[in-house]
Amino acid sequence: MPLYVLFALVVIGCIDCHWLLSFALNALIVLFAIIVVYAMIGFVVCLDYLP
C-alpha cells in the first residue's frame, strides 16, 4: 500500500471521527437543554400547586 493511500485513509478517519465527536457533543447539548427546560417547567408547575 503506498504511503499517500495510508495518509488519505488517516485523514478520512480523522474527519469521520471529528464529525462523530461533534455529533455526540451536539446530542449531549440538546439533551441537556431539554432536561433544563423540563426542570424549569416542573419547577413552575410545583410553584403553581403550592398553597
N, C-alpha and C. Protein backbone atom coordinates (compact mmCIF):
# COMPACT_ATOMS: atom_id res chain seq x y z
N MET A 1 0.85 -1.20 0.00
CA MET A 1 0.00 0.00 0.00
C MET A 1 0.89 1.25 0.00
N PRO A 2 0.68 2.14 -0.96
CA PRO A 2 1.50 3.37 -1.00
C PRO A 2 1.23 4.26 0.22
N LEU A 3 2.19 5.09 0.52
CA LEU A 3 2.11 5.94 1.71
C LEU A 3 0.96 6.95 1.59
N TYR A 4 0.74 7.50 0.39
CA TYR A 4 -0.31 8.52 0.24
C TYR A 4 -1.71 7.94 0.43
N VAL A 5 -1.88 6.63 0.12
CA VAL A 5 -3.16 5.97 0.36
C VAL A 5 -3.42 5.87 1.86
N LEU A 6 -2.37 5.48 2.59
CA LEU A 6 -2.45 5.38 4.04
C LEU A 6 -2.78 6.76 4.64
N PHE A 7 -2.11 7.79 4.12
CA PHE A 7 -2.33 9.17 4.59
C PHE A 7 -3.78 9.59 4.35
N ALA A 8 -4.29 9.27 3.14
CA ALA A 8 -5.67 9.61 2.80
C ALA A 8 -6.65 8.90 3.75
N LEU A 9 -6.38 7.64 4.04
CA LEU A 9 -7.24 6.88 4.96
C LEU A 9 -7.23 7.50 6.35
N VAL A 10 -6.05 7.92 6.81
CA VAL A 10 -5.93 8.54 8.14
C VAL A 10 -6.71 9.85 8.17
N VAL A 11 -6.58 10.66 7.10
CA VAL A 11 -7.27 11.95 7.03
C VAL A 11 -8.79 11.72 7.04
N ILE A 12 -9.27 10.77 6.22
CA ILE A 12 -10.69 10.46 6.18
C ILE A 12 -11.17 9.97 7.54
N GLY A 13 -10.37 9.12 8.18
CA GLY A 13 -10.70 8.61 9.51
C GLY A 13 -10.80 9.74 10.53
N CYS A 14 -9.88 10.70 10.46
CA CYS A 14 -9.89 11.83 11.39
C CYS A 14 -11.12 12.70 11.17
N ILE A 15 -11.46 12.96 9.92
CA ILE A 15 -12.64 13.77 9.60
C ILE A 15 -13.90 13.06 10.11
N ASP A 16 -13.97 11.76 9.84
CA ASP A 16 -15.12 10.97 10.26
C ASP A 16 -15.24 10.97 11.79
N CYS A 17 -14.11 10.76 12.46
CA CYS A 17 -14.09 10.73 13.92
C CYS A 17 -14.49 12.10 14.47
N HIS A 18 -13.99 13.16 13.86
CA HIS A 18 -14.30 14.52 14.29
C HIS A 18 -15.80 14.79 14.13
N TRP A 19 -16.35 14.34 12.99
CA TRP A 19 -17.79 14.53 12.74
C TRP A 19 -18.60 13.78 13.79
N LEU A 20 -18.20 12.54 14.09
CA LEU A 20 -18.89 11.74 15.11
C LEU A 20 -18.81 12.42 16.47
N LEU A 21 -17.64 12.95 16.79
CA LEU A 21 -17.44 13.61 18.07
C LEU A 21 -18.33 14.84 18.18
N SER A 22 -18.38 15.66 17.13
CA SER A 22 -19.19 16.86 17.16
C SER A 22 -20.68 16.50 17.22
N PHE A 23 -21.05 15.40 16.54
CA PHE A 23 -22.43 14.93 16.58
C PHE A 23 -22.80 14.53 18.00
N ALA A 24 -21.90 13.79 18.67
CA ALA A 24 -22.15 13.35 20.05
C ALA A 24 -22.26 14.56 20.98
N LEU A 25 -21.39 15.54 20.76
CA LEU A 25 -21.39 16.75 21.58
C LEU A 25 -22.70 17.52 21.40
N ASN A 26 -23.14 17.66 20.14
CA ASN A 26 -24.41 18.33 19.85
C ASN A 26 -25.57 17.60 20.51
N ALA A 27 -25.56 16.28 20.43
CA ALA A 27 -26.63 15.48 21.04
C ALA A 27 -26.65 15.70 22.56
N LEU A 28 -25.49 15.75 23.18
CA LEU A 28 -25.41 15.98 24.63
C LEU A 28 -25.94 17.36 24.99
N ILE A 29 -25.58 18.38 24.18
CA ILE A 29 -26.03 19.75 24.44
C ILE A 29 -27.55 19.83 24.33
N VAL A 30 -28.11 19.20 23.28
CA VAL A 30 -29.56 19.19 23.08
C VAL A 30 -30.25 18.48 24.25
N LEU A 31 -29.71 17.34 24.65
CA LEU A 31 -30.27 16.57 25.77
C LEU A 31 -30.25 17.41 27.04
N PHE A 32 -29.14 18.09 27.30
CA PHE A 32 -29.01 18.94 28.48
C PHE A 32 -30.03 20.08 28.45
N ALA A 33 -30.21 20.68 27.27
CA ALA A 33 -31.18 21.77 27.12
C ALA A 33 -32.60 21.28 27.40
N ILE A 34 -32.93 20.08 26.88
CA ILE A 34 -34.26 19.51 27.11
C ILE A 34 -34.47 19.25 28.60
N ILE A 35 -33.45 18.71 29.28
CA ILE A 35 -33.56 18.43 30.72
C ILE A 35 -33.77 19.73 31.49
N VAL A 36 -33.04 20.78 31.12
CA VAL A 36 -33.17 22.08 31.80
C VAL A 36 -34.58 22.64 31.60
N VAL A 37 -35.09 22.56 30.37
CA VAL A 37 -36.43 23.06 30.07
C VAL A 37 -37.48 22.29 30.89
N TYR A 38 -37.37 20.98 30.90
CA TYR A 38 -38.32 20.16 31.67
C TYR A 38 -38.22 20.47 33.17
N ALA A 39 -37.01 20.68 33.67
CA ALA A 39 -36.83 21.01 35.08
C ALA A 39 -37.49 22.35 35.41
N MET A 40 -37.33 23.33 34.52
CA MET A 40 -37.94 24.65 34.73
C MET A 40 -39.46 24.55 34.71
N ILE A 41 -40.00 23.78 33.75
CA ILE A 41 -41.46 23.59 33.66
C ILE A 41 -41.96 22.91 34.94
N GLY A 42 -41.25 21.87 35.38
CA GLY A 42 -41.63 21.17 36.61
C GLY A 42 -41.59 22.09 37.81
N PHE A 43 -40.58 22.96 37.88
CA PHE A 43 -40.44 23.91 38.97
C PHE A 43 -41.62 24.88 38.99
N VAL A 44 -41.98 25.41 37.82
CA VAL A 44 -43.10 26.36 37.71
C VAL A 44 -44.41 25.68 38.10
N VAL A 45 -44.60 24.44 37.62
CA VAL A 45 -45.82 23.68 37.95
C VAL A 45 -45.89 23.44 39.45
N CYS A 46 -44.77 23.09 40.07
CA CYS A 46 -44.74 22.87 41.52
C CYS A 46 -45.09 24.14 42.26
N LEU A 47 -44.57 25.28 41.79
CA LEU A 47 -44.89 26.57 42.42
C LEU A 47 -46.38 26.87 42.29
N ASP A 48 -46.96 26.50 41.14
CA ASP A 48 -48.39 26.72 40.92
C ASP A 48 -49.22 25.91 41.91
N TYR A 49 -48.80 24.67 42.18
CA TYR A 49 -49.59 23.78 43.02
C TYR A 49 -49.38 24.03 44.52
N LEU A 50 -48.30 24.75 44.86
CA LEU A 50 -48.06 25.03 46.28
C LEU A 50 -49.07 26.06 46.77
N PRO A 51 -49.54 25.92 48.01
CA PRO A 51 -50.51 26.88 48.54
C PRO A 51 -49.89 28.24 48.83
